[in-house]
mmCIF file of all heavy atoms, coordinates in Angstrom:
data_MODEL
# 
_entry.id   MODEL 
# 
loop_
_atom_site.group_PDB 
_atom_site.id 
_atom_site.type_symbol 
_atom_site.label_atom_id 
_atom_site.label_alt_id 
_atom_site.label_comp_id 
_atom_site.label_asym_id 
_atom_site.label_entity_id 
_atom_site.label_seq_id 
_atom_site.pdbx_PDB_ins_code 
_atom_site.Cartn_x 
_atom_site.Cartn_y 
_atom_site.Cartn_z 
_atom_site.occupancy 
_atom_site.B_iso_or_equiv 
_atom_site.pdbx_formal_charge 
_atom_site.auth_seq_id 
_atom_site.auth_comp_id 
_atom_site.auth_asym_id 
_atom_site.auth_atom_id 
_atom_site.pdbx_PDB_model_num 
ATOM 1   N N   . SER A 1 1  ? -10.820 -11.821 -9.873  1.00 0.00 ? 1  SER A N   1 
ATOM 2   C CA  . SER A 1 1  ? -9.522  -11.300 -10.135 1.00 0.00 ? 1  SER A CA  1 
ATOM 3   C C   . SER A 1 1  ? -9.305  -10.042 -9.329  1.00 0.00 ? 1  SER A C   1 
ATOM 4   O O   . SER A 1 1  ? -8.238  -9.768  -8.728  1.00 0.00 ? 1  SER A O   1 
ATOM 5   C CB  . SER A 1 1  ? -9.155  -11.214 -11.500 1.00 0.00 ? 1  SER A CB  1 
ATOM 6   O OG  . SER A 1 1  ? -10.063 -10.213 -12.175 1.00 0.00 ? 1  SER A OG  1 
ATOM 7   N N   . CYS A 1 2  ? -10.241 -9.124  -9.235  1.00 0.00 ? 2  CYS A N   1 
ATOM 8   C CA  . CYS A 1 2  ? -10.174 -7.949  -8.533  1.00 0.00 ? 2  CYS A CA  1 
ATOM 9   C C   . CYS A 1 2  ? -9.952  -8.181  -7.119  1.00 0.00 ? 2  CYS A C   1 
ATOM 10  O O   . CYS A 1 2  ? -8.992  -7.568  -6.411  1.00 0.00 ? 2  CYS A O   1 
ATOM 11  C CB  . CYS A 1 2  ? -11.386 -7.090  -8.745  1.00 0.00 ? 2  CYS A CB  1 
ATOM 12  S SG  . CYS A 1 2  ? -11.322 -5.385  -7.912  1.00 0.00 ? 2  CYS A SG  1 
ATOM 13  N N   . ARG A 1 3  ? -10.746 -9.108  -6.468  1.00 0.00 ? 3  ARG A N   1 
ATOM 14  C CA  . ARG A 1 3  ? -10.579 -9.467  -5.147  1.00 0.00 ? 3  ARG A CA  1 
ATOM 15  C C   . ARG A 1 3  ? -9.159  -10.135 -4.843  1.00 0.00 ? 3  ARG A C   1 
ATOM 16  O O   . ARG A 1 3  ? -8.605  -9.781  -3.838  1.00 0.00 ? 3  ARG A O   1 
ATOM 17  C CB  . ARG A 1 3  ? -11.711 -10.444 -4.747  1.00 0.00 ? 3  ARG A CB  1 
ATOM 18  C CG  . ARG A 1 3  ? -11.624 -10.946 -3.321  1.00 0.00 ? 3  ARG A CG  1 
ATOM 19  C CD  . ARG A 1 3  ? -11.915 -10.008 -2.254  1.00 0.00 ? 3  ARG A CD  1 
ATOM 20  N NE  . ARG A 1 3  ? -10.616 -9.370  -1.862  1.00 0.00 ? 3  ARG A NE  1 
ATOM 21  C CZ  . ARG A 1 3  ? -10.686 -8.471  -0.827  1.00 0.00 ? 3  ARG A CZ  1 
ATOM 22  N NH1 . ARG A 1 3  ? -11.737 -8.055  -0.163  1.00 0.00 ? 3  ARG A NH1 1 
ATOM 23  N NH2 . ARG A 1 3  ? -9.521  -7.905  -0.427  1.00 0.00 ? 3  ARG A NH2 1 
ATOM 24  N N   . PHE A 1 4  ? -8.802  -11.019 -5.816  1.00 0.00 ? 4  PHE A N   1 
ATOM 25  C CA  . PHE A 1 4  ? -7.562  -11.637 -5.585  1.00 0.00 ? 4  PHE A CA  1 
ATOM 26  C C   . PHE A 1 4  ? -6.291  -10.688 -5.555  1.00 0.00 ? 4  PHE A C   1 
ATOM 27  O O   . PHE A 1 4  ? -5.454  -10.650 -4.742  1.00 0.00 ? 4  PHE A O   1 
ATOM 28  C CB  . PHE A 1 4  ? -7.318  -12.707 -6.640  1.00 0.00 ? 4  PHE A CB  1 
ATOM 29  C CG  . PHE A 1 4  ? -6.025  -13.359 -6.628  1.00 0.00 ? 4  PHE A CG  1 
ATOM 30  C CD1 . PHE A 1 4  ? -5.681  -14.353 -5.757  1.00 0.00 ? 4  PHE A CD1 1 
ATOM 31  C CD2 . PHE A 1 4  ? -4.971  -12.978 -7.449  1.00 0.00 ? 4  PHE A CD2 1 
ATOM 32  C CE1 . PHE A 1 4  ? -4.481  -14.990 -5.842  1.00 0.00 ? 4  PHE A CE1 1 
ATOM 33  C CE2 . PHE A 1 4  ? -3.751  -13.544 -7.480  1.00 0.00 ? 4  PHE A CE2 1 
ATOM 34  C CZ  . PHE A 1 4  ? -3.416  -14.686 -6.602  1.00 0.00 ? 4  PHE A CZ  1 
ATOM 35  N N   . TRP A 1 5  ? -6.305  -9.751  -6.582  1.00 0.00 ? 5  TRP A N   1 
ATOM 36  C CA  . TRP A 1 5  ? -5.154  -8.837  -6.613  1.00 0.00 ? 5  TRP A CA  1 
ATOM 37  C C   . TRP A 1 5  ? -5.237  -7.799  -5.517  1.00 0.00 ? 5  TRP A C   1 
ATOM 38  O O   . TRP A 1 5  ? -4.208  -7.184  -5.149  1.00 0.00 ? 5  TRP A O   1 
ATOM 39  C CB  . TRP A 1 5  ? -5.212  -8.113  -8.023  1.00 0.00 ? 5  TRP A CB  1 
ATOM 40  C CG  . TRP A 1 5  ? -4.738  -9.097  -9.131  1.00 0.00 ? 5  TRP A CG  1 
ATOM 41  C CD1 . TRP A 1 5  ? -5.540  -9.535  -10.148 1.00 0.00 ? 5  TRP A CD1 1 
ATOM 42  C CD2 . TRP A 1 5  ? -3.491  -9.827  -9.276  1.00 0.00 ? 5  TRP A CD2 1 
ATOM 43  N NE1 . TRP A 1 5  ? -4.832  -10.514 -10.871 1.00 0.00 ? 5  TRP A NE1 1 
ATOM 44  C CE2 . TRP A 1 5  ? -3.470  -10.661 -10.400 1.00 0.00 ? 5  TRP A CE2 1 
ATOM 45  C CE3 . TRP A 1 5  ? -2.328  -9.733  -8.504  1.00 0.00 ? 5  TRP A CE3 1 
ATOM 46  C CZ2 . TRP A 1 5  ? -2.512  -11.416 -10.846 1.00 0.00 ? 5  TRP A CZ2 1 
ATOM 47  C CZ3 . TRP A 1 5  ? -1.242  -10.556 -8.924  1.00 0.00 ? 5  TRP A CZ3 1 
ATOM 48  C CH2 . TRP A 1 5  ? -1.331  -11.379 -9.990  1.00 0.00 ? 5  TRP A CH2 1 
ATOM 49  N N   . THR A 1 6  ? -6.433  -7.533  -4.984  1.00 0.00 ? 6  THR A N   1 
ATOM 50  C CA  . THR A 1 6  ? -6.549  -6.572  -3.867  1.00 0.00 ? 6  THR A CA  1 
ATOM 51  C C   . THR A 1 6  ? -5.731  -7.118  -2.697  1.00 0.00 ? 6  THR A C   1 
ATOM 52  O O   . THR A 1 6  ? -5.272  -6.245  -1.914  1.00 0.00 ? 6  THR A O   1 
ATOM 53  C CB  . THR A 1 6  ? -8.023  -6.357  -3.618  1.00 0.00 ? 6  THR A CB  1 
ATOM 54  O OG1 . THR A 1 6  ? -8.664  -5.689  -4.699  1.00 0.00 ? 6  THR A OG1 1 
ATOM 55  C CG2 . THR A 1 6  ? -8.269  -5.414  -2.378  1.00 0.00 ? 6  THR A CG2 1 
ATOM 56  N N   . LEU A 1 7  ? -5.725  -8.388  -2.550  1.00 0.00 ? 7  LEU A N   1 
ATOM 57  C CA  . LEU A 1 7  ? -4.942  -8.898  -1.368  1.00 0.00 ? 7  LEU A CA  1 
ATOM 58  C C   . LEU A 1 7  ? -3.521  -8.456  -1.289  1.00 0.00 ? 7  LEU A C   1 
ATOM 59  O O   . LEU A 1 7  ? -2.880  -8.167  -0.431  1.00 0.00 ? 7  LEU A O   1 
ATOM 60  C CB  . LEU A 1 7  ? -5.026  -10.381 -1.295  1.00 0.00 ? 7  LEU A CB  1 
ATOM 61  C CG  . LEU A 1 7  ? -6.412  -11.090 -1.049  1.00 0.00 ? 7  LEU A CG  1 
ATOM 62  C CD1 . LEU A 1 7  ? -6.412  -12.595 -1.266  1.00 0.00 ? 7  LEU A CD1 1 
ATOM 63  C CD2 . LEU A 1 7  ? -6.966  -10.740 0.374   1.00 0.00 ? 7  LEU A CD2 1 
ATOM 64  N N   . PHE A 1 8  ? -2.926  -8.566  -2.630  1.00 0.00 ? 8  PHE A N   1 
ATOM 65  C CA  . PHE A 1 8  ? -1.498  -8.033  -2.768  1.00 0.00 ? 8  PHE A CA  1 
ATOM 66  C C   . PHE A 1 8  ? -1.493  -6.537  -2.726  1.00 0.00 ? 8  PHE A C   1 
ATOM 67  O O   . PHE A 1 8  ? -0.511  -5.987  -2.081  1.00 0.00 ? 8  PHE A O   1 
ATOM 68  C CB  . PHE A 1 8  ? -0.963  -8.575  -4.035  1.00 0.00 ? 8  PHE A CB  1 
ATOM 69  C CG  . PHE A 1 8  ? -0.928  -10.028 -4.124  1.00 0.00 ? 8  PHE A CG  1 
ATOM 70  C CD1 . PHE A 1 8  ? -1.888  -10.819 -4.592  1.00 0.00 ? 8  PHE A CD1 1 
ATOM 71  C CD2 . PHE A 1 8  ? 0.149   -10.693 -3.625  1.00 0.00 ? 8  PHE A CD2 1 
ATOM 72  C CE1 . PHE A 1 8  ? -1.791  -12.175 -4.752  1.00 0.00 ? 8  PHE A CE1 1 
ATOM 73  C CE2 . PHE A 1 8  ? 0.246   -12.110 -3.592  1.00 0.00 ? 8  PHE A CE2 1 
ATOM 74  C CZ  . PHE A 1 8  ? -0.800  -12.829 -4.203  1.00 0.00 ? 8  PHE A CZ  1 
ATOM 75  N N   . ALA A 1 9  ? -2.382  -5.924  -3.345  1.00 0.00 ? 9  ALA A N   1 
ATOM 76  C CA  . ALA A 1 9  ? -2.392  -4.426  -3.446  1.00 0.00 ? 9  ALA A CA  1 
ATOM 77  C C   . ALA A 1 9  ? -2.481  -3.759  -2.119  1.00 0.00 ? 9  ALA A C   1 
ATOM 78  O O   . ALA A 1 9  ? -1.991  -2.673  -1.978  1.00 0.00 ? 9  ALA A O   1 
ATOM 79  C CB  . ALA A 1 9  ? -3.405  -3.980  -4.485  1.00 0.00 ? 9  ALA A CB  1 
ATOM 80  N N   . HIS A 1 10 ? -3.210  -4.383  -1.250  1.00 0.00 ? 10 HIS A N   1 
ATOM 81  C CA  . HIS A 1 10 ? -3.374  -3.775  0.093   1.00 0.00 ? 10 HIS A CA  1 
ATOM 82  C C   . HIS A 1 10 ? -2.147  -3.529  0.608   1.00 0.00 ? 10 HIS A C   1 
ATOM 83  O O   . HIS A 1 10 ? -1.807  -2.416  1.415   1.00 0.00 ? 10 HIS A O   1 
ATOM 84  C CB  . HIS A 1 10 ? -4.186  -4.650  0.901   1.00 0.00 ? 10 HIS A CB  1 
ATOM 85  C CG  . HIS A 1 10 ? -4.301  -4.252  2.391   1.00 0.00 ? 10 HIS A CG  1 
ATOM 86  N ND1 . HIS A 1 10 ? -5.203  -3.252  2.756   1.00 0.00 ? 10 HIS A ND1 1 
ATOM 87  C CD2 . HIS A 1 10 ? -3.576  -4.537  3.540   1.00 0.00 ? 10 HIS A CD2 1 
ATOM 88  C CE1 . HIS A 1 10 ? -5.099  -2.988  4.084   1.00 0.00 ? 10 HIS A CE1 1 
ATOM 89  N NE2 . HIS A 1 10 ? -4.047  -3.810  4.553   1.00 0.00 ? 10 HIS A NE2 1 
ATOM 90  N N   . TYR A 1 11 ? -1.104  -4.380  0.558   1.00 0.00 ? 11 TYR A N   1 
ATOM 91  C CA  . TYR A 1 11 ? 0.118   -4.336  1.196   1.00 0.00 ? 11 TYR A CA  1 
ATOM 92  C C   . TYR A 1 11 ? 1.083   -3.300  0.443   1.00 0.00 ? 11 TYR A C   1 
ATOM 93  O O   . TYR A 1 11 ? 2.026   -2.732  1.052   1.00 0.00 ? 11 TYR A O   1 
ATOM 94  C CB  . TYR A 1 11 ? 0.813   -5.679  1.477   1.00 0.00 ? 11 TYR A CB  1 
ATOM 95  C CG  . TYR A 1 11 ? -0.063  -6.474  2.481   1.00 0.00 ? 11 TYR A CG  1 
ATOM 96  C CD1 . TYR A 1 11 ? -0.810  -7.488  2.041   1.00 0.00 ? 11 TYR A CD1 1 
ATOM 97  C CD2 . TYR A 1 11 ? 0.029   -6.124  3.838   1.00 0.00 ? 11 TYR A CD2 1 
ATOM 98  C CE1 . TYR A 1 11 ? -1.535  -8.189  2.959   1.00 0.00 ? 11 TYR A CE1 1 
ATOM 99  C CE2 . TYR A 1 11 ? -0.725  -6.870  4.745   1.00 0.00 ? 11 TYR A CE2 1 
ATOM 100 C CZ  . TYR A 1 11 ? -1.485  -7.900  4.252   1.00 0.00 ? 11 TYR A CZ  1 
ATOM 101 O OH  . TYR A 1 11 ? -2.314  -8.652  5.125   1.00 0.00 ? 11 TYR A OH  1 
ATOM 102 N N   . LEU A 1 12 ? 0.832   -3.159  -0.936  1.00 0.00 ? 12 LEU A N   1 
ATOM 103 C CA  . LEU A 1 12 ? 1.502   -2.118  -1.607  1.00 0.00 ? 12 LEU A CA  1 
ATOM 104 C C   . LEU A 1 12 ? 1.034   -0.751  -1.113  1.00 0.00 ? 12 LEU A C   1 
ATOM 105 O O   . LEU A 1 12 ? 1.889   0.184   -0.898  1.00 0.00 ? 12 LEU A O   1 
ATOM 106 C CB  . LEU A 1 12 ? 1.211   -2.322  -3.105  1.00 0.00 ? 12 LEU A CB  1 
ATOM 107 C CG  . LEU A 1 12 ? 1.912   -3.454  -3.840  1.00 0.00 ? 12 LEU A CG  1 
ATOM 108 C CD1 . LEU A 1 12 ? 1.412   -3.568  -5.240  1.00 0.00 ? 12 LEU A CD1 1 
ATOM 109 C CD2 . LEU A 1 12 ? 3.463   -3.362  -3.679  1.00 0.00 ? 12 LEU A CD2 1 
ATOM 110 N N   . TRP A 1 13 ? -0.228  -0.594  -0.894  1.00 0.00 ? 13 TRP A N   1 
ATOM 111 C CA  . TRP A 1 13 ? -0.799  0.649   -0.300  1.00 0.00 ? 13 TRP A CA  1 
ATOM 112 C C   . TRP A 1 13 ? -0.249  0.917   1.074   1.00 0.00 ? 13 TRP A C   1 
ATOM 113 O O   . TRP A 1 13 ? 0.152   2.045   1.378   1.00 0.00 ? 13 TRP A O   1 
ATOM 114 C CB  . TRP A 1 13 ? -2.324  0.404   -0.253  1.00 0.00 ? 13 TRP A CB  1 
ATOM 115 C CG  . TRP A 1 13 ? -3.014  1.525   0.610   1.00 0.00 ? 13 TRP A CG  1 
ATOM 116 C CD1 . TRP A 1 13 ? -3.463  2.756   0.144   1.00 0.00 ? 13 TRP A CD1 1 
ATOM 117 C CD2 . TRP A 1 13 ? -3.387  1.398   1.908   1.00 0.00 ? 13 TRP A CD2 1 
ATOM 118 N NE1 . TRP A 1 13 ? -4.063  3.434   1.158   1.00 0.00 ? 13 TRP A NE1 1 
ATOM 119 C CE2 . TRP A 1 13 ? -3.969  2.497   2.301   1.00 0.00 ? 13 TRP A CE2 1 
ATOM 120 C CE3 . TRP A 1 13 ? -3.255  0.419   2.828   1.00 0.00 ? 13 TRP A CE3 1 
ATOM 121 C CZ2 . TRP A 1 13 ? -4.557  2.769   3.583   1.00 0.00 ? 13 TRP A CZ2 1 
ATOM 122 C CZ3 . TRP A 1 13 ? -3.738  0.557   4.203   1.00 0.00 ? 13 TRP A CZ3 1 
ATOM 123 C CH2 . TRP A 1 13 ? -4.370  1.730   4.525   1.00 0.00 ? 13 TRP A CH2 1 
ATOM 124 N N   . PHE A 1 14 ? -0.060  -0.178  1.795   1.00 0.00 ? 14 PHE A N   1 
ATOM 125 C CA  . PHE A 1 14 ? 0.445   0.000   3.209   1.00 0.00 ? 14 PHE A CA  1 
ATOM 126 C C   . PHE A 1 14 ? 1.876   0.546   3.146   1.00 0.00 ? 14 PHE A C   1 
ATOM 127 O O   . PHE A 1 14 ? 2.270   1.385   3.915   1.00 0.00 ? 14 PHE A O   1 
ATOM 128 C CB  . PHE A 1 14 ? 0.339   -1.277  3.977   1.00 0.00 ? 14 PHE A CB  1 
ATOM 129 C CG  . PHE A 1 14 ? 0.559   -1.266  5.413   1.00 0.00 ? 14 PHE A CG  1 
ATOM 130 C CD1 . PHE A 1 14 ? 0.364   -0.219  6.222   1.00 0.00 ? 14 PHE A CD1 1 
ATOM 131 C CD2 . PHE A 1 14 ? 1.415   -2.231  6.047   1.00 0.00 ? 14 PHE A CD2 1 
ATOM 132 C CE1 . PHE A 1 14 ? 0.537   -0.150  7.514   1.00 0.00 ? 14 PHE A CE1 1 
ATOM 133 C CE2 . PHE A 1 14 ? 1.715   -2.194  7.391   1.00 0.00 ? 14 PHE A CE2 1 
ATOM 134 C CZ  . PHE A 1 14 ? 1.282   -1.135  8.144   1.00 0.00 ? 14 PHE A CZ  1 
ATOM 135 N N   . ALA A 1 15 ? 2.650   -0.240  2.258   1.00 0.00 ? 15 ALA A N   1 
ATOM 136 C CA  . ALA A 1 15 ? 4.096   0.232   2.094   1.00 0.00 ? 15 ALA A CA  1 
ATOM 137 C C   . ALA A 1 15 ? 4.254   1.672   1.659   1.00 0.00 ? 15 ALA A C   1 
ATOM 138 O O   . ALA A 1 15 ? 5.096   2.454   2.075   1.00 0.00 ? 15 ALA A O   1 
ATOM 139 C CB  . ALA A 1 15 ? 4.792   -0.713  1.214   1.00 0.00 ? 15 ALA A CB  1 
ATOM 140 N N   . ARG A 1 16 ? 3.384   1.996   0.752   1.00 0.00 ? 16 ARG A N   1 
ATOM 141 C CA  . ARG A 1 16 ? 3.347   3.380   0.216   1.00 0.00 ? 16 ARG A CA  1 
ATOM 142 C C   . ARG A 1 16 ? 3.048   4.370   1.264   1.00 0.00 ? 16 ARG A C   1 
ATOM 143 O O   . ARG A 1 16 ? 3.651   5.490   1.403   1.00 0.00 ? 16 ARG A O   1 
ATOM 144 C CB  . ARG A 1 16 ? 2.356   3.515   -0.991  1.00 0.00 ? 16 ARG A CB  1 
ATOM 145 C CG  . ARG A 1 16 ? 2.249   4.935   -1.639  1.00 0.00 ? 16 ARG A CG  1 
ATOM 146 C CD  . ARG A 1 16 ? 1.387   4.843   -2.883  1.00 0.00 ? 16 ARG A CD  1 
ATOM 147 N NE  . ARG A 1 16 ? 1.010   6.233   -3.174  1.00 0.00 ? 16 ARG A NE  1 
ATOM 148 C CZ  . ARG A 1 16 ? -0.217  6.610   -3.199  1.00 0.00 ? 16 ARG A CZ  1 
ATOM 149 N NH1 . ARG A 1 16 ? -1.265  5.898   -2.657  1.00 0.00 ? 16 ARG A NH1 1 
ATOM 150 N NH2 . ARG A 1 16 ? -0.561  7.990   -3.472  1.00 0.00 ? 16 ARG A NH2 1 
ATOM 151 N N   . ARG A 1 17 ? 2.087   4.088   2.068   1.00 0.00 ? 17 ARG A N   1 
ATOM 152 C CA  . ARG A 1 17 ? 1.701   5.000   3.143   1.00 0.00 ? 17 ARG A CA  1 
ATOM 153 C C   . ARG A 1 17 ? 2.818   5.175   4.086   1.00 0.00 ? 17 ARG A C   1 
ATOM 154 O O   . ARG A 1 17 ? 3.089   6.369   4.494   1.00 0.00 ? 17 ARG A O   1 
ATOM 155 C CB  . ARG A 1 17 ? 0.367   4.447   3.958   1.00 0.00 ? 17 ARG A CB  1 
ATOM 156 C CG  . ARG A 1 17 ? -0.039  5.408   4.859   1.00 0.00 ? 17 ARG A CG  1 
ATOM 157 C CD  . ARG A 1 17 ? -1.426  5.047   5.445   1.00 0.00 ? 17 ARG A CD  1 
ATOM 158 N NE  . ARG A 1 17 ? -1.205  3.952   6.456   1.00 0.00 ? 17 ARG A NE  1 
ATOM 159 C CZ  . ARG A 1 17 ? -2.125  3.376   7.083   1.00 0.00 ? 17 ARG A CZ  1 
ATOM 160 N NH1 . ARG A 1 17 ? -3.418  3.858   7.044   1.00 0.00 ? 17 ARG A NH1 1 
ATOM 161 N NH2 . ARG A 1 17 ? -1.890  2.448   7.986   1.00 0.00 ? 17 ARG A NH2 1 
ATOM 162 N N   . ILE A 1 18 ? 3.535   4.080   4.531   1.00 0.00 ? 18 ILE A N   1 
ATOM 163 C CA  . ILE A 1 18 ? 4.593   4.226   5.452   1.00 0.00 ? 18 ILE A CA  1 
ATOM 164 C C   . ILE A 1 18 ? 5.718   5.150   4.793   1.00 0.00 ? 18 ILE A C   1 
ATOM 165 O O   . ILE A 1 18 ? 6.247   6.015   5.408   1.00 0.00 ? 18 ILE A O   1 
ATOM 166 C CB  . ILE A 1 18 ? 5.199   2.788   5.783   1.00 0.00 ? 18 ILE A CB  1 
ATOM 167 C CG1 . ILE A 1 18 ? 4.062   2.085   6.620   1.00 0.00 ? 18 ILE A CG1 1 
ATOM 168 C CG2 . ILE A 1 18 ? 6.487   3.002   6.556   1.00 0.00 ? 18 ILE A CG2 1 
ATOM 169 C CD1 . ILE A 1 18 ? 4.555   0.674   6.904   1.00 0.00 ? 18 ILE A CD1 1 
ATOM 170 N N   . PHE A 1 19 ? 5.997   4.866   3.475   1.00 0.00 ? 19 PHE A N   1 
ATOM 171 C CA  . PHE A 1 19 ? 7.038   5.659   2.889   1.00 0.00 ? 19 PHE A CA  1 
ATOM 172 C C   . PHE A 1 19 ? 6.657   7.095   2.815   1.00 0.00 ? 19 PHE A C   1 
ATOM 173 O O   . PHE A 1 19 ? 7.565   7.942   3.142   1.00 0.00 ? 19 PHE A O   1 
ATOM 174 C CB  . PHE A 1 19 ? 7.257   5.092   1.475   1.00 0.00 ? 19 PHE A CB  1 
ATOM 175 C CG  . PHE A 1 19 ? 8.199   5.921   0.619   1.00 0.00 ? 19 PHE A CG  1 
ATOM 176 C CD1 . PHE A 1 19 ? 9.509   5.745   0.768   1.00 0.00 ? 19 PHE A CD1 1 
ATOM 177 C CD2 . PHE A 1 19 ? 7.735   6.767   -0.392  1.00 0.00 ? 19 PHE A CD2 1 
ATOM 178 C CE1 . PHE A 1 19 ? 10.449  6.493   -0.001  1.00 0.00 ? 19 PHE A CE1 1 
ATOM 179 C CE2 . PHE A 1 19 ? 8.618   7.524   -1.158  1.00 0.00 ? 19 PHE A CE2 1 
ATOM 180 C CZ  . PHE A 1 19 ? 9.914   7.312   -0.973  1.00 0.00 ? 19 PHE A CZ  1 
ATOM 181 N N   . GLN A 1 20 ? 5.450   7.494   2.495   1.00 0.00 ? 20 GLN A N   1 
ATOM 182 C CA  . GLN A 1 20 ? 5.027   8.750   2.340   1.00 0.00 ? 20 GLN A CA  1 
ATOM 183 C C   . GLN A 1 20 ? 5.004   9.498   3.862   1.00 0.00 ? 20 GLN A C   1 
ATOM 184 O O   . GLN A 1 20 ? 5.328   10.663  3.964   1.00 0.00 ? 20 GLN A O   1 
ATOM 185 C CB  . GLN A 1 20 ? 3.682   8.908   1.706   1.00 0.00 ? 20 GLN A CB  1 
ATOM 186 C CG  . GLN A 1 20 ? 3.746   8.575   0.173   1.00 0.00 ? 20 GLN A CG  1 
ATOM 187 C CD  . GLN A 1 20 ? 2.414   8.439   -0.354  1.00 0.00 ? 20 GLN A CD  1 
ATOM 188 O OE1 . GLN A 1 20 ? 1.454   7.981   0.283   1.00 0.00 ? 20 GLN A OE1 1 
ATOM 189 N NE2 . GLN A 1 20 ? 2.192   8.831   -1.603  1.00 0.00 ? 20 GLN A NE2 1 
ATOM 190 N N   . ARG A 1 21 ? 4.671   8.758   4.783   1.00 0.00 ? 21 ARG A N   1 
ATOM 191 C CA  . ARG A 1 21 ? 4.620   9.396   6.140   1.00 0.00 ? 21 ARG A CA  1 
ATOM 192 C C   . ARG A 1 21 ? 6.052   9.599   6.767   1.00 0.00 ? 21 ARG A C   1 
ATOM 193 O O   . ARG A 1 21 ? 6.275   10.513  7.430   1.00 0.00 ? 21 ARG A O   1 
ATOM 194 C CB  . ARG A 1 21 ? 3.787   8.435   7.058   1.00 0.00 ? 21 ARG A CB  1 
ATOM 195 C CG  . ARG A 1 21 ? 2.379   8.453   6.833   1.00 0.00 ? 21 ARG A CG  1 
ATOM 196 C CD  . ARG A 1 21 ? 1.799   9.748   7.262   1.00 0.00 ? 21 ARG A CD  1 
ATOM 197 N NE  . ARG A 1 21 ? 0.400   9.830   6.791   1.00 0.00 ? 21 ARG A NE  1 
ATOM 198 C CZ  . ARG A 1 21 ? -0.437  10.964  7.230   1.00 0.00 ? 21 ARG A CZ  1 
ATOM 199 N NH1 . ARG A 1 21 ? -0.036  11.875  8.043   1.00 0.00 ? 21 ARG A NH1 1 
ATOM 200 N NH2 . ARG A 1 21 ? -1.751  10.959  6.796   1.00 0.00 ? 21 ARG A NH2 1 
ATOM 201 N N   . VAL A 1 22 ? 7.035   8.806   6.216   1.00 0.00 ? 22 VAL A N   1 
ATOM 202 C CA  . VAL A 1 22 ? 8.356   9.050   6.625   1.00 0.00 ? 22 VAL A CA  1 
ATOM 203 C C   . VAL A 1 22 ? 9.015   10.175  5.962   1.00 0.00 ? 22 VAL A C   1 
ATOM 204 O O   . VAL A 1 22 ? 9.644   11.014  6.535   1.00 0.00 ? 22 VAL A O   1 
ATOM 205 C CB  . VAL A 1 22 ? 9.171   7.728   6.355   1.00 0.00 ? 22 VAL A CB  1 
ATOM 206 C CG1 . VAL A 1 22 ? 10.770  8.093   6.465   1.00 0.00 ? 22 VAL A CG1 1 
ATOM 207 C CG2 . VAL A 1 22 ? 8.737   6.597   7.285   1.00 0.00 ? 22 VAL A CG2 1 
ATOM 208 N N   . ILE A 1 23 ? 8.670   10.271  4.652   1.00 0.00 ? 23 ILE A N   1 
ATOM 209 C CA  . ILE A 1 23 ? 9.278   11.294  3.707   1.00 0.00 ? 23 ILE A CA  1 
ATOM 210 C C   . ILE A 1 23 ? 8.619   12.743  4.053   1.00 0.00 ? 23 ILE A C   1 
ATOM 211 O O   . ILE A 1 23 ? 9.329   13.690  4.168   1.00 0.00 ? 23 ILE A O   1 
ATOM 212 C CB  . ILE A 1 23 ? 9.077   11.038  2.254   1.00 0.00 ? 23 ILE A CB  1 
ATOM 213 C CG1 . ILE A 1 23 ? 9.833   9.732   1.916   1.00 0.00 ? 23 ILE A CG1 1 
ATOM 214 C CG2 . ILE A 1 23 ? 9.513   12.102  1.307   1.00 0.00 ? 23 ILE A CG2 1 
ATOM 215 C CD1 . ILE A 1 23 ? 11.328  9.755   2.050   1.00 0.00 ? 23 ILE A CD1 1 
ATOM 216 N N   . PHE A 1 24 ? 7.395   12.696  4.299   1.00 0.00 ? 24 PHE A N   1 
ATOM 217 C CA  . PHE A 1 24 ? 6.698   14.029  4.481   1.00 0.00 ? 24 PHE A CA  1 
ATOM 218 C C   . PHE A 1 24 ? 6.291   14.181  5.943   1.00 0.00 ? 24 PHE A C   1 
ATOM 219 O O   . PHE A 1 24 ? 6.020   13.167  6.662   1.00 0.00 ? 24 PHE A O   1 
ATOM 220 C CB  . PHE A 1 24 ? 5.355   14.129  3.634   1.00 0.00 ? 24 PHE A CB  1 
ATOM 221 C CG  . PHE A 1 24 ? 5.656   14.017  2.228   1.00 0.00 ? 24 PHE A CG  1 
ATOM 222 C CD1 . PHE A 1 24 ? 5.364   12.833  1.469   1.00 0.00 ? 24 PHE A CD1 1 
ATOM 223 C CD2 . PHE A 1 24 ? 6.115   15.024  1.521   1.00 0.00 ? 24 PHE A CD2 1 
ATOM 224 C CE1 . PHE A 1 24 ? 5.534   12.713  0.088   1.00 0.00 ? 24 PHE A CE1 1 
ATOM 225 C CE2 . PHE A 1 24 ? 6.430   15.011  0.149   1.00 0.00 ? 24 PHE A CE2 1 
ATOM 226 C CZ  . PHE A 1 24 ? 6.114   13.850  -0.560  1.00 0.00 ? 24 PHE A CZ  1 
ATOM 227 N N   . SER A 1 25 ? 6.279   15.336  6.354   1.00 0.00 ? 25 SER A N   1 
ATOM 228 C CA  . SER A 1 25 ? 5.727   15.685  7.782   1.00 0.00 ? 25 SER A CA  1 
ATOM 229 C C   . SER A 1 25 ? 4.349   15.431  7.828   1.00 0.00 ? 25 SER A C   1 
ATOM 230 O O   . SER A 1 25 ? 3.648   15.256  6.768   1.00 0.00 ? 25 SER A O   1 
ATOM 231 C CB  . SER A 1 25 ? 6.046   17.088  8.211   1.00 0.00 ? 25 SER A CB  1 
ATOM 232 O OG  . SER A 1 25 ? 5.324   17.926  7.393   1.00 0.00 ? 25 SER A OG  1 
# 
């Protein structure tokens, strides 16, 4: 289940990173 949910969580992490990089210098 950890491996399964990681597949989805990876793209949440990716979206969060893009958002933070846009908001912060």
